[in-house]
C-alpha atoms as a PDB file:
ATOM      1  CA  MET A   1      -3.115 -71.409 -21.185  1.00  0.00           C
ATOM      2  CA  THR A   2      -4.335 -69.374 -24.134  1.00  0.00           C
ATOM      3  CA  ILE A   3      -6.679 -70.203 -26.991  1.00  0.00           C
ATOM      4  CA  LYS A   4      -4.949 -71.163 -30.233  1.00  0.00           C
ATOM      5  CA  LYS A   5      -5.424 -68.730 -33.118  1.00  0.00           C
ATOM      6  CA  GLU A   6      -6.909 -71.481 -35.310  1.00  0.00           C
ATOM      7  CA  LEU A   7      -9.587 -72.276 -32.719  1.00  0.00           C
ATOM      8  CA  LEU A   8     -10.415 -68.618 -32.160  1.00  0.00           C
ATOM      9  CA  GLU A   9     -10.996 -68.180 -35.899  1.00  0.00           C
ATOM     10  CA  ILE A  10     -13.725 -70.857 -35.971  1.00  0.00           C
ATOM     11  CA  LEU A  11     -15.451 -70.101 -32.656  1.00  0.00           C
ATOM     12  CA  ALA A  12     -18.712 -68.166 -32.804  1.00  0.00           C
ATOM     13  CA  CYS A  13     -21.170 -66.809 -30.292  1.00  0.00           C
ATOM     14  CA  PRO A  14     -23.801 -69.495 -29.678  1.00  0.00           C
ATOM     15  CA  LYS A  15     -26.539 -66.856 -29.433  1.00  0.00           C
ATOM     16  CA  CYS A  16     -26.014 -64.748 -32.584  1.00  0.00           C
ATOM     17  CA  LYS A  17     -23.403 -66.846 -34.474  1.00  0.00           C
ATOM     18  CA  LYS A  18     -21.070 -63.834 -34.889  1.00  0.00           C
ATOM     19  CA  SER A  19     -17.337 -63.988 -34.172  1.00  0.00           C
ATOM     20  CA  VAL A  20     -15.934 -63.670 -30.660  1.00  0.00           C
ATOM     21  CA  GLU A  21     -12.798 -61.903 -29.486  1.00  0.00           C
ATOM     22  CA  LEU A  22     -10.313 -62.939 -26.826  1.00  0.00           C
ATOM     23  CA  SER A  23     -10.085 -60.549 -23.864  1.00  0.00           C
ATOM     24  CA  ASP A  24      -6.770 -58.872 -23.062  1.00  0.00           C
ATOM     25  CA  ASP A  25      -6.334 -61.057 -19.962  1.00  0.00           C
ATOM     26  CA  ASP A  26      -7.174 -64.312 -21.870  1.00  0.00           C
ATOM     27  CA  MET A  27      -9.957 -65.071 -19.361  1.00  0.00           C
ATOM     28  CA  TRP A  28     -13.006 -64.436 -21.586  1.00  0.00           C
ATOM     29  CA  LEU A  29     -14.306 -64.629 -25.130  1.00  0.00           C
ATOM     30  CA  ALA A  30     -16.438 -61.598 -25.889  1.00  0.00           C
ATOM     31  CA  CYS A  31     -19.243 -61.118 -28.396  1.00  0.00           C
ATOM     32  CA  GLN A  32     -19.631 -57.437 -29.221  1.00  0.00           C
ATOM     33  CA  GLU A  33     -22.907 -58.086 -31.084  1.00  0.00           C
ATOM     34  CA  CYS A  34     -24.717 -59.619 -28.071  1.00  0.00           C
ATOM     35  CA  SER A  35     -22.660 -57.845 -25.390  1.00  0.00           C
ATOM     36  CA  LEU A  36     -21.949 -61.186 -23.747  1.00  0.00           C
ATOM     37  CA  LYS A  37     -18.731 -62.753 -22.508  1.00  0.00           C
ATOM     38  CA  TYR A  38     -17.933 -66.431 -22.153  1.00  0.00           C
ATOM     39  CA  LYS A  39     -15.471 -67.646 -19.522  1.00  0.00           C
ATOM     40  CA  ILE A  40     -12.418 -69.715 -20.425  1.00  0.00           C
ATOM     41  CA  LYS A  41     -11.899 -72.414 -17.807  1.00  0.00           C
ATOM     42  CA  ASP A  42      -8.685 -74.471 -17.818  1.00  0.00           C
ATOM     43  CA  GLY A  43      -8.045 -73.412 -21.418  1.00  0.00           C
ATOM     44  CA  ILE A  44     -11.507 -74.493 -22.583  1.00  0.00           C
ATOM     45  CA  PRO A  45     -14.113 -71.890 -23.587  1.00  0.00           C
ATOM     46  CA  VAL A  46     -17.484 -72.418 -21.899  1.00  0.00           C
ATOM     47  CA  MET A  47     -19.713 -71.436 -24.822  1.00  0.00           C
ATOM     48  CA  LEU A  48     -23.097 -71.875 -23.138  1.00  0.00           C
ATOM     49  CA  ILE A  49     -25.600 -69.021 -23.313  1.00  0.00           C
ATOM     50  CA  ASP A  50     -26.791 -69.756 -19.771  1.00  0.00           C
ATOM     51  CA  GLU A  51     -23.209 -69.441 -18.481  1.00  0.00           C
ATOM     52  CA  ALA A  52     -22.493 -66.141 -20.278  1.00  0.00           C
ATOM     53  CA  SER A  53     -22.101 -62.819 -18.457  1.00  0.00           C
ATOM     54  CA  PRO A  54     -22.906 -59.317 -19.692  1.00  0.00           C
ATOM     55  CA  LEU A  55     -19.950 -57.297 -20.996  1.00  0.00           C
END
Protein backbone atom coordinates (compact mmCIF):
# COMPACT_ATOMS: atom_id res chain seq x y z
CA MET A 1 0.00 0.00 0.00
CA THR A 2 1.43 3.36 -0.99
CA ILE A 3 0.82 6.86 0.31
CA LYS A 4 -1.61 8.92 -1.75
CA LYS A 5 -0.10 11.94 -3.52
CA GLU A 6 -2.54 14.29 -1.76
CA LEU A 7 -1.46 13.07 1.68
CA LEU A 8 2.23 13.26 0.80
CA GLU A 9 1.79 16.90 -0.22
CA ILE A 10 0.50 17.91 3.23
CA LEU A 11 2.77 15.76 5.42
CA ALA A 12 5.70 17.49 7.09
CA CYS A 13 8.56 16.44 9.30
CA PRO A 14 7.42 16.79 12.92
CA LYS A 15 10.88 18.00 13.97
CA CYS A 16 11.63 20.79 11.46
CA LYS A 17 8.23 21.15 9.69
CA LYS A 18 9.84 20.79 6.22
CA SER A 19 8.44 18.50 3.52
CA VAL A 20 9.15 14.78 3.44
CA GLU A 21 9.79 12.52 0.47
CA LEU A 22 8.66 8.97 -0.13
CA SER A 23 11.49 6.43 -0.43
CA ASP A 24 11.88 4.43 -3.63
CA ASP A 25 10.67 1.26 -1.88
CA ASP A 26 7.62 3.03 -0.32
CA MET A 27 8.75 1.93 3.16
CA TRP A 28 9.88 5.31 4.56
CA LEU A 29 9.23 9.03 4.49
CA ALA A 30 12.50 10.92 4.51
CA CYS A 31 13.32 14.43 5.69
CA GLN A 32 16.47 15.67 3.98
CA GLU A 33 16.66 18.71 6.30
CA CYS A 34 16.88 16.65 9.53
CA SER A 35 18.38 13.52 7.95
CA LEU A 36 15.63 11.43 9.52
CA LYS A 37 13.35 8.78 8.09
CA TYR A 38 9.91 7.78 9.31
CA LYS A 39 8.62 4.23 8.80
CA ILE A 40 5.35 3.52 6.99
CA LYS A 41 3.52 0.71 8.76
CA ASP A 42 0.45 -0.87 7.13
CA GLY A 43 0.12 2.17 4.86
CA ILE A 44 0.21 4.62 7.78
CA PRO A 45 3.23 6.89 8.31
CA VAL A 46 4.56 6.80 11.87
CA MET A 47 5.48 10.48 12.20
CA LEU A 48 6.90 10.40 15.73
CA ILE A 49 10.33 11.91 16.34
CA ASP A 50 11.15 9.19 18.88
CA GLU A 51 10.38 6.51 16.27
CA ALA A 52 12.48 8.11 13.51
CA SER A 53 15.75 6.61 12.24
CA PRO A 54 18.79 8.39 10.81
CA LEU A 55 19.03 8.46 7.01
